[in-house]
């Protein structure tokens, strides 16, 4: 379910050529990032914030949860995700 989102930025811009998200739906531009313990360092948090801001600038909604939240608080995580999806996307 991992998808690559092209940044269309030159290699010298400080951005990668694409950002990969753990789970994403390009039709409604929602990305879910499930973060392990490696995302706890301050440098990694800054990288994640830069990535999130860039994706939001492209119109994406980013939901970032920890591994623990995804595993132990699944219903709460699903509720957060549902709240982010525009209602026009969920209607038949």
PDB file of N, CA and C in Angstrom:
ATOM      1  N   UNK A   1       0.819  -1.197   0.000  1.00  0.00           N
ATOM      2  CA  UNK A   1       0.000   0.000   0.000  1.00  0.00           C
ATOM      3  C   UNK A   1       0.860   1.257   0.000  1.00  0.00           C
ATOM      4  N   UNK A   2       2.176   1.094   0.150  1.00  0.00           N
ATOM      5  CA  UNK A   2       3.055   2.255   0.115  1.00  0.00           C
ATOM      6  C   UNK A   2       3.007   2.877  -1.272  1.00  0.00           C
ATOM      7  N   UNK A   3       2.914   4.192  -1.313  1.00  0.00           N
ATOM      8  CA  UNK A   3       2.917   4.868  -2.609  1.00  0.00           C
ATOM      9  C   UNK A   3       3.971   5.966  -2.612  1.00  0.00           C
ATOM     10  N   UNK A   4       4.445   6.289  -3.794  1.00  0.00           N
ATOM     11  CA  UNK A   4       5.418   7.358  -3.983  1.00  0.00           C
ATOM     12  C   UNK A   4       4.702   8.571  -4.563  1.00  0.00           C
ATOM     13  N   UNK A   5       4.945   9.717  -3.958  1.00  0.00           N
ATOM     14  CA  UNK A   5       4.342  10.963  -4.415  1.00  0.00           C
ATOM     15  C   UNK A   5       5.463  11.837  -4.965  1.00  0.00           C
ATOM     16  N   UNK A   6       5.482  12.073  -6.270  1.00  0.00           N
ATOM     17  CA  UNK A   6       6.555  12.875  -6.859  1.00  0.00           C
ATOM     18  C   UNK A   6       6.558  14.301  -6.307  1.00  0.00           C
ATOM     19  N   UNK A   7       7.750  14.813  -6.009  1.00  0.00           N
ATOM     20  CA  UNK A   7       7.858  16.190  -5.532  1.00  0.00           C
ATOM     21  C   UNK A   7       8.036  17.177  -6.678  1.00  0.00           C
ATOM     22  N   UNK A   8       8.539  16.680  -7.812  1.00  0.00           N
ATOM     23  CA  UNK A   8       8.830  17.524  -8.976  1.00  0.00           C
ATOM     24  C   UNK A   8       9.839  18.618  -8.632  1.00  0.00           C
ATOM     25  N   UNK A   9      10.685  18.329  -7.655  1.00  0.00           N
ATOM     26  CA  UNK A   9      11.721  19.273  -7.231  1.00  0.00           C
ATOM     27  C   UNK A   9      13.068  18.795  -7.764  1.00  0.00           C
ATOM     28  N   UNK A  10      13.944  19.744  -8.139  1.00  0.00           N
ATOM     29  CA  UNK A  10      15.275  19.330  -8.584  1.00  0.00           C
ATOM     30  C   UNK A  10      16.062  18.697  -7.440  1.00  0.00           C
ATOM     31  N   UNK A  11      16.967  17.824  -7.791  1.00  0.00           N
ATOM     32  CA  UNK A  11      17.754  17.105  -6.781  1.00  0.00           C
ATOM     33  C   UNK A  11      18.518  18.044  -5.845  1.00  0.00           C
ATOM     34  N   UNK A  12      18.853  19.215  -6.298  1.00  0.00           N
ATOM     35  CA  UNK A  12      19.621  20.166  -5.476  1.00  0.00           C
ATOM     36  C   UNK A  12      18.738  21.032  -4.585  1.00  0.00           C
ATOM     37  N   UNK A  13      17.439  20.751  -4.555  1.00  0.00           N
ATOM     38  CA  UNK A  13      16.496  21.603  -3.819  1.00  0.00           C
ATOM     39  C   UNK A  13      16.435  21.306  -2.326  1.00  0.00           C
ATOM     40  N   UNK A  14      17.018  20.184  -1.902  1.00  0.00           N
ATOM     41  CA  UNK A  14      16.877  19.784  -0.507  1.00  0.00           C
ATOM     42  C   UNK A  14      15.678  18.877  -0.282  1.00  0.00           C
ATOM     43  N   UNK A  15      14.975  18.548  -1.362  1.00  0.00           N
ATOM     44  CA  UNK A  15      13.840  17.636  -1.297  1.00  0.00           C
ATOM     45  C   UNK A  15      14.156  16.400  -2.141  1.00  0.00           C
ATOM     46  N   UNK A  16      13.601  15.264  -1.777  1.00  0.00           N
ATOM     47  CA  UNK A  16      13.791  14.072  -2.618  1.00  0.00           C
ATOM     48  C   UNK A  16      12.973  14.199  -3.899  1.00  0.00           C
ATOM     49  N   UNK A  17      13.215  13.312  -4.841  1.00  0.00           N
ATOM     50  CA  UNK A  17      12.426  13.328  -6.079  1.00  0.00           C
ATOM     51  C   UNK A  17      11.001  12.853  -5.833  1.00  0.00           C
ATOM     52  N   UNK A  18      10.816  12.079  -4.750  1.00  0.00           N
ATOM     53  CA  UNK A  18       9.467  11.679  -4.344  1.00  0.00           C
ATOM     54  C   UNK A  18       9.470  11.398  -2.853  1.00  0.00           C
ATOM     55  N   UNK A  19       8.302  11.502  -2.271  1.00  0.00           N
ATOM     56  CA  UNK A  19       8.106  11.098  -0.880  1.00  0.00           C
ATOM     57  C   UNK A  19       7.285   9.822  -0.903  1.00  0.00           C
ATOM     58  N   UNK A  20       7.708   8.841  -0.140  1.00  0.00           N
ATOM     59  CA  UNK A  20       6.938   7.605  -0.003  1.00  0.00           C
ATOM     60  C   UNK A  20       6.126   7.689   1.279  1.00  0.00           C
ATOM     61  N   UNK A  21       4.862   7.313   1.181  1.00  0.00           N
ATOM     62  CA  UNK A  21       4.008   7.263   2.360  1.00  0.00           C
ATOM     63  C   UNK A  21       3.627   5.809   2.610  1.00  0.00           C
ATOM     64  N   UNK A  22       3.433   5.466   3.874  1.00  0.00           N
ATOM     65  CA  UNK A  22       3.153   4.076   4.241  1.00  0.00           C
ATOM     66  C   UNK A  22       1.875   3.565   3.596  1.00  0.00           C
ATOM     67  N   UNK A  23       0.819   4.356   3.684  1.00  0.00           N
ATOM     68  CA  UNK A  23      -0.466   4.016   3.069  1.00  0.00           C
ATOM     69  C   UNK A  23      -1.029   5.312   2.505  1.00  0.00           C
ATOM     70  N   UNK A  24      -1.504   5.264   1.294  1.00  0.00           N
ATOM     71  CA  UNK A  24      -2.046   6.486   0.718  1.00  0.00           C
ATOM     72  C   UNK A  24      -3.098   6.208  -0.322  1.00  0.00           C
ATOM     73  N   UNK A  25      -3.962   7.188  -0.505  1.00  0.00           N
ATOM     74  CA  UNK A  25      -4.975   7.129  -1.549  1.00  0.00           C
ATOM     75  C   UNK A  25      -4.845   8.398  -2.376  1.00  0.00           C
ATOM     76  N   UNK A  26      -4.266   8.287  -3.583  1.00  0.00           N
ATOM     77  CA  UNK A  26      -4.069   9.485  -4.394  1.00  0.00           C
ATOM     78  C   UNK A  26      -5.359  10.113  -4.906  1.00  0.00           C
ATOM     79  N   UNK A  27      -6.434   9.342  -4.980  1.00  0.00           N
ATOM     80  CA  UNK A  27      -7.700   9.901  -5.461  1.00  0.00           C
ATOM     81  C   UNK A  27      -8.245  10.958  -4.515  1.00  0.00           C
ATOM     82  N   UNK A  28      -8.124  10.705  -3.218  1.00  0.00           N
ATOM     83  CA  UNK A  28      -8.622  11.679  -2.232  1.00  0.00           C
ATOM     84  C   UNK A  28      -7.488  12.341  -1.459  1.00  0.00           C
ATOM     85  N   UNK A  29      -6.251  12.041  -1.854  1.00  0.00           N
ATOM     86  CA  UNK A  29      -5.048  12.662  -1.295  1.00  0.00           C
ATOM     87  C   UNK A  29      -4.986  12.560   0.230  1.00  0.00           C
ATOM     88  N   UNK A  30      -5.079  11.335   0.711  1.00  0.00           N
ATOM     89  CA  UNK A  30      -4.896  11.077   2.141  1.00  0.00           C
ATOM     90  C   UNK A  30      -3.720  10.127   2.298  1.00  0.00           C
ATOM     91  N   UNK A  31      -2.797  10.507   3.185  1.00  0.00           N
ATOM     92  CA  UNK A  31      -1.619   9.692   3.464  1.00  0.00           C
ATOM     93  C   UNK A  31      -1.609   9.319   4.934  1.00  0.00           C
ATOM     94  N   UNK A  32      -1.282   8.064   5.206  1.00  0.00           N
ATOM     95  CA  UNK A  32      -1.149   7.593   6.583  1.00  0.00           C
ATOM     96  C   UNK A  32       0.301   7.184   6.787  1.00  0.00           C
ATOM     97  N   UNK A  33       0.913   7.758   7.789  1.00  0.00           N
ATOM     98  CA  UNK A  33       2.275   7.425   8.140  1.00  0.00           C
ATOM     99  C   UNK A  33       2.264   6.742   9.504  1.00  0.00           C
ATOM    100  N   UNK A  34       2.808   5.543   9.565  1.00  0.00           N
ATOM    101  CA  UNK A  34       2.888   4.782  10.819  1.00  0.00           C
ATOM    102  C   UNK A  34       4.355   4.780  11.230  1.00  0.00           C
ATOM    103  N   UNK A  35       4.635   5.468  12.331  1.00  0.00           N
ATOM    104  CA  UNK A  35       6.009   5.715  12.741  1.00  0.00           C
ATOM    105  C   UNK A  35       6.483   4.784  13.841  1.00  0.00           C
ATOM    106  N   UNK A  36       7.640   4.203  13.615  1.00  0.00           N
ATOM    107  CA  UNK A  36       8.307   3.387  14.630  1.00  0.00           C
ATOM    108  C   UNK A  36       9.183   4.255  15.522  1.00  0.00           C
ATOM    109  N   UNK A  37       9.970   3.609  16.354  1.00  0.00           N
ATOM    110  CA  UNK A  37      10.799   4.324  17.326  1.00  0.00           C
ATOM    111  C   UNK A  37      11.847   5.211  16.672  1.00  0.00           C
ATOM    112  N   UNK A  38      12.244   4.918  15.437  1.00  0.00           N
ATOM    113  CA  UNK A  38      13.254   5.745  14.767  1.00  0.00           C
ATOM    114  C   UNK A  38      12.762   7.167  14.506  1.00  0.00           C
ATOM    115  N   UNK A  39      11.474   7.384  14.589  1.00  0.00           N
ATOM    116  CA  UNK A  39      10.917   8.714  14.347  1.00  0.00           C
ATOM    117  C   UNK A  39      10.911   9.579  15.606  1.00  0.00           C
ATOM    118  N   UNK A  40      11.507   9.088  16.685  1.00  0.00           N
ATOM    119  CA  UNK A  40      11.521   9.836  17.945  1.00  0.00           C
ATOM    120  C   UNK A  40      12.619  10.863  18.063  1.00  0.00           C
ATOM    121  N   UNK A  41      13.661  10.762  17.251  1.00  0.00           N
ATOM    122  CA  UNK A  41      14.772  11.716  17.366  1.00  0.00           C
ATOM    123  C   UNK A  41      14.343  13.080  16.840  1.00  0.00           C
ATOM    124  N   UNK A  42      14.973  14.114  17.341  1.00  0.00           N
ATOM    125  CA  UNK A  42      14.594  15.465  16.917  1.00  0.00           C
ATOM    126  C   UNK A  42      14.885  15.685  15.436  1.00  0.00           C
ATOM    127  N   UNK A  43      15.975  15.119  14.912  1.00  0.00           N
ATOM    128  CA  UNK A  43      16.263  15.305  13.486  1.00  0.00           C
ATOM    129  C   UNK A  43      15.215  14.608  12.624  1.00  0.00           C
ATOM    130  N   UNK A  44      14.785  13.433  13.049  1.00  0.00           N
ATOM    131  CA  UNK A  44      13.765  12.704  12.283  1.00  0.00           C
ATOM    132  C   UNK A  44      12.410  13.399  12.373  1.00  0.00           C
ATOM    133  N   UNK A  45      12.093  13.959  13.539  1.00  0.00           N
ATOM    134  CA  UNK A  45      10.833  14.705  13.673  1.00  0.00           C
ATOM    135  C   UNK A  45      10.826  15.915  12.747  1.00  0.00           C
ATOM    136  N   UNK A  46      11.988  16.576  12.597  1.00  0.00           N
ATOM    137  CA  UNK A  46      12.075  17.714  11.683  1.00  0.00           C
ATOM    138  C   UNK A  46      11.893  17.264  10.236  1.00  0.00           C
ATOM    139  N   UNK A  47      12.492  16.130   9.871  1.00  0.00           N
ATOM    140  CA  UNK A  47      12.311  15.580   8.523  1.00  0.00           C
ATOM    141  C   UNK A  47      10.845  15.246   8.269  1.00  0.00           C
ATOM    142  N   UNK A  48      10.206  14.635   9.257  1.00  0.00           N
ATOM    143  CA  UNK A  48       8.788  14.279   9.121  1.00  0.00           C
ATOM    144  C   UNK A  48       7.924  15.527   8.968  1.00  0.00           C
ATOM    145  N   UNK A  49       8.230  16.575   9.747  1.00  0.00           N
ATOM    146  CA  UNK A  49       7.464  17.821   9.658  1.00  0.00           C
ATOM    147  C   UNK A  49       7.636  18.469   8.287  1.00  0.00           C
ATOM    148  N   UNK A  50       8.862  18.426   7.742  1.00  0.00           N
ATOM    149  CA  UNK A  50       9.130  18.975   6.410  1.00  0.00           C
ATOM    150  C   UNK A  50       8.339  18.198   5.355  1.00  0.00           C
ATOM    151  N   UNK A  51       8.349  16.879   5.485  1.00  0.00           N
ATOM    152  CA  UNK A  51       7.606  16.026   4.554  1.00  0.00           C
ATOM    153  C   UNK A  51       6.113  16.314   4.628  1.00  0.00           C
ATOM    154  N   UNK A  52       5.582  16.368   5.846  1.00  0.00           N
ATOM    155  CA  UNK A  52       4.153  16.629   6.035  1.00  0.00           C
ATOM    156  C   UNK A  52       3.761  17.979   5.438  1.00  0.00           C
ATOM    157  N   UNK A  53       4.569  19.012   5.699  1.00  0.00           N
ATOM    158  CA  UNK A  53       4.268  20.348   5.186  1.00  0.00           C
ATOM    159  C   UNK A  53       4.286  20.360   3.663  1.00  0.00           C
ATOM    160  N   UNK A  54       5.252  19.677   3.069  1.00  0.00           N
ATOM    161  CA  UNK A  54       5.334  19.627   1.608  1.00  0.00           C
ATOM    162  C   UNK A  54       4.109  18.933   1.033  1.00  0.00           C
ATOM    163  N   UNK A  55       3.753  17.786   1.607  1.00  0.00           N
ATOM    164  CA  UNK A  55       2.591  17.047   1.108  1.00  0.00           C
ATOM    165  C   UNK A  55       1.311  17.857   1.280  1.00  0.00           C
ATOM    166  N   UNK A  56       1.174  18.539   2.403  1.00  0.00           N
ATOM    167  CA  UNK A  56      -0.010  19.390   2.605  1.00  0.00           C
ATOM    168  C   UNK A  56      -0.058  20.493   1.549  1.00  0.00           C
ATOM    169  N   UNK A  57       1.116  21.012   1.181  1.00  0.00           N
ATOM    170  CA  UNK A  57       1.187  22.023   0.134  1.00  0.00           C
ATOM    171  C   UNK A  57       0.708  21.502  -1.215  1.00  0.00           C
ATOM    172  N   UNK A  58       0.805  20.189  -1.406  1.00  0.00           N
ATOM    173  CA  UNK A  58       0.295  19.556  -2.625  1.00  0.00           C
ATOM    174  C   UNK A  58      -1.180  19.172  -2.495  1.00  0.00           C
ATOM    175  N   UNK A  59      -1.783  19.495  -1.355  1.00  0.00           N
ATOM    176  CA  UNK A  59      -3.197  19.200  -1.156  1.00  0.00           C
ATOM    177  C   UNK A  59      -3.482  17.893  -0.440  1.00  0.00           C
ATOM    178  N   UNK A  60      -2.440  17.235   0.069  1.00  0.00           N
ATOM    179  CA  UNK A  60      -2.621  15.972   0.778  1.00  0.00           C
ATOM    180  C   UNK A  60      -2.983  16.219   2.236  1.00  0.00           C
ATOM    181  N   UNK A  61      -3.764  15.319   2.788  1.00  0.00           N
ATOM    182  CA  UNK A  61      -4.035  15.257   4.227  1.00  0.00           C
ATOM    183  C   UNK A  61      -3.137  14.162   4.766  1.00  0.00           C
ATOM    184  N   UNK A  62      -2.393  14.462   5.825  1.00  0.00           N
ATOM    185  CA  UNK A  62      -1.450  13.493   6.384  1.00  0.00           C
ATOM    186  C   UNK A  62      -1.865  13.144   7.807  1.00  0.00           C
ATOM    187  N   UNK A  63      -2.067  11.861   8.050  1.00  0.00           N
ATOM    188  CA  UNK A  63      -2.340  11.360   9.396  1.00  0.00           C
ATOM    189  C   UNK A  63      -1.103  10.589   9.821  1.00  0.00           C
ATOM    190  N   UNK A  64      -0.469  11.040  10.883  1.00  0.00           N
ATOM    191  CA  UNK A  64       0.739  10.397  11.385  1.00  0.00           C
ATOM    192  C   UNK A  64       0.414   9.777  12.742  1.00  0.00           C
ATOM    193  N   UNK A  65       0.634   8.469  12.859  1.00  0.00           N
ATOM    194  CA  UNK A  65       0.390   7.753  14.115  1.00  0.00           C
ATOM    195  C   UNK A  65       1.609   6.892  14.431  1.00  0.00           C
ATOM    196  N   UNK A  66       1.752   6.566  15.689  1.00  0.00           N
ATOM    197  CA  UNK A  66       2.849   5.688  16.093  1.00  0.00           C
ATOM    198  C   UNK A  66       2.449   4.230  15.871  1.00  0.00           C
ATOM    199  N   UNK A  67       3.444   3.363  15.844  1.00  0.00           N
ATOM    200  CA  UNK A  67       3.158   1.926  15.758  1.00  0.00           C
ATOM    201  C   UNK A  67       2.218   1.509  16.887  1.00  0.00           C
ATOM    202  N   UNK A  68       2.489   2.009  18.077  1.00  0.00           N
ATOM    203  CA  UNK A  68       1.662   1.660  19.238  1.00  0.00           C
ATOM    204  C   UNK A  68       0.217   2.086  19.022  1.00  0.00           C
ATOM    205  N   UNK A  69       0.014   3.305  18.539  1.00  0.00           N
ATOM    206  CA  UNK A  69      -1.356   3.769  18.286  1.00  0.00           C
ATOM    207  C   UNK A  69      -2.044   2.884  17.251  1.00  0.00           C
ATOM    208  N   UNK A  70      -1.324   2.549  16.201  1.00  0.00           N
ATOM    209  CA  UNK A  70      -1.916   1.733  15.136  1.00  0.00           C
ATOM    210  C   UNK A  70      -2.292   0.346  15.646  1.00  0.00           C
ATOM    211  N   UNK A  71      -1.495  -0.202  16.551  1.00  0.00           N
ATOM    212  CA  UNK A  71      -1.754  -1.554  17.047  1.00  0.00           C
ATOM    213  C   UNK A  71      -2.678  -1.599  18.260  1.00  0.00           C
ATOM    214  N   UNK A  72      -2.484  -0.676  19.197  1.00  0.00           N
ATOM    215  CA  UNK A  72      -3.223  -0.735  20.460  1.00  0.00           C
ATOM    216  C   UNK A  72      -4.444   0.170  20.511  1.00  0.00           C
ATOM    217  N   UNK A  73      -4.502   1.147  19.626  1.00  0.00           N
ATOM    218  CA  UNK A  73      -5.622   2.089  19.609  1.00  0.00           C
ATOM    219  C   UNK A  73      -6.229   2.141  18.214  1.00  0.00           C
ATOM    220  N   UNK A  74      -6.440   0.977  17.643  1.00  0.00           N
ATOM    221  CA  UNK A  74      -6.883   0.887  16.254  1.00  0.00           C
ATOM    222  C   UNK A  74      -8.207   1.607  16.018  1.00  0.00           C
ATOM    223  N   UNK A  75      -9.185   1.401  16.884  1.00  0.00           N
ATOM    224  CA  UNK A  75     -10.487   2.044  16.672  1.00  0.00           C
ATOM    225  C   UNK A  75     -10.380   3.557  16.718  1.00  0.00           C
ATOM    226  N   UNK A  76      -9.588   4.072  17.633  1.00  0.00           N
ATOM    227  CA  UNK A  76      -9.375   5.518  17.722  1.00  0.00           C
ATOM    228  C   UNK A  76      -8.676   6.041  16.473  1.00  0.00           C
ATOM    229  N   UNK A  77      -7.702   5.290  15.992  1.00  0.00           N
ATOM    230  CA  UNK A  77      -6.978   5.677  14.781  1.00  0.00           C
ATOM    231  C   UNK A  77      -7.912   5.675  13.578  1.00  0.00           C
ATOM    232  N   UNK A  78      -8.755   4.672  13.477  1.00  0.00           N
ATOM    233  CA  UNK A  78      -9.728   4.608  12.381  1.00  0.00           C
ATOM    234  C   UNK A  78     -10.699   5.782  12.461  1.00  0.00           C
ATOM    235  N   UNK A  79     -11.130   6.116  13.658  1.00  0.00           N
ATOM    236  CA  UNK A  79     -12.039   7.265  13.828  1.00  0.00           C
ATOM    237  C   UNK A  79     -11.377   8.556  13.372  1.00  0.00           C
ATOM    238  N   UNK A  80     -10.097   8.742  13.719  1.00  0.00           N
ATOM    239  CA  UNK A  80      -9.364   9.937  13.282  1.00  0.00           C
ATOM    240  C   UNK A  80      -9.286   9.982  11.765  1.00  0.00           C
ATOM    241  N   UNK A  81      -9.017   8.844  11.161  1.00  0.00           N
ATOM    242  CA  UNK A  81      -8.922   8.778   9.706  1.00  0.00           C
ATOM    243  C   UNK A  81     -10.266   9.099   9.063  1.00  0.00           C
ATOM    244  N   UNK A  82     -11.325   8.513   9.556  1.00  0.00           N
ATOM    245  CA  UNK A  82     -12.655   8.775   9.002  1.00  0.00           C
ATOM    246  C   UNK A  82     -13.015  10.251   9.082  1.00  0.00           C
ATOM    247  N   UNK A  83     -12.607  10.900  10.171  1.00  0.00           N
ATOM    248  CA  UNK A  83     -12.909  12.319  10.345  1.00  0.00           C
ATOM    249  C   UNK A  83     -12.168  13.186   9.322  1.00  0.00           C
ATOM    250  N   UNK A  84     -11.060  12.684   8.800  1.00  0.00           N
ATOM    251  CA  UNK A  84     -10.278  13.449   7.818  1.00  0.00           C
ATOM    252  C   UNK A  84     -10.790  13.317   6.392  1.00  0.00           C
ATOM    253  N   UNK A  85     -11.524  12.233   6.120  1.00  0.00           N
ATOM    254  CA  UNK A  85     -11.984  11.991   4.758  1.00  0.00           C
ATOM    255  C   UNK A  85     -13.180  12.888   4.470  1.00  0.00           C
ATOM    256  N   UNK A  86     -13.094  13.679   3.409  1.00  0.00           N
ATOM    257  CA  UNK A  86     -14.231  14.539   3.073  1.00  0.00           C
ATOM    258  C   UNK A  86     -15.490  13.708   2.864  1.00  0.00           C
ATOM    259  N   UNK A  87     -16.618  14.196   3.367  1.00  0.00           N
ATOM    260  CA  UNK A  87     -17.865  13.422   3.283  1.00  0.00           C
ATOM    261  C   UNK A  87     -18.255  13.151   1.847  1.00  0.00           C
ATOM    262  N   UNK A  88     -17.909  14.032   0.929  1.00  0.00           N
ATOM    263  CA  UNK A  88     -18.255  13.789  -0.465  1.00  0.00           C
ATOM    264  C   UNK A  88     -17.543  12.557  -1.009  1.00  0.00           C
ATOM    265  N   UNK A  89     -16.442  12.153  -0.393  1.00  0.00           N
ATOM    266  CA  UNK A  89     -15.701  10.983  -0.837  1.00  0.00           C
ATOM    267  C   UNK A  89     -16.279   9.688  -0.259  1.00  0.00           C
ATOM    268  N   UNK A  90     -17.056   9.798   0.813  1.00  0.00           N
ATOM    269  CA  UNK A  90     -17.575   8.598   1.460  1.00  0.00           C
ATOM    270  C   UNK A  90     -19.009   8.285   1.056  1.00  0.00           C
ATOM    271  N   UNK A  91     -19.654   9.192   0.340  1.00  0.00           N
ATOM    272  CA  UNK A  91     -21.038   8.957  -0.075  1.00  0.00           C
ATOM    273  C   UNK A  91     -21.048   8.111  -1.348  1.00  0.00           C
ATOM    274  N   UNK A  92     -22.025   7.192  -1.473  1.00  0.00           N
ATOM    275  CA  UNK A  92     -22.111   6.341  -2.679  1.00  0.00           C
ATOM    276  C   UNK A  92     -22.498   7.119  -3.907  1.00  0.00           C
TER     277      UNK A  92
END
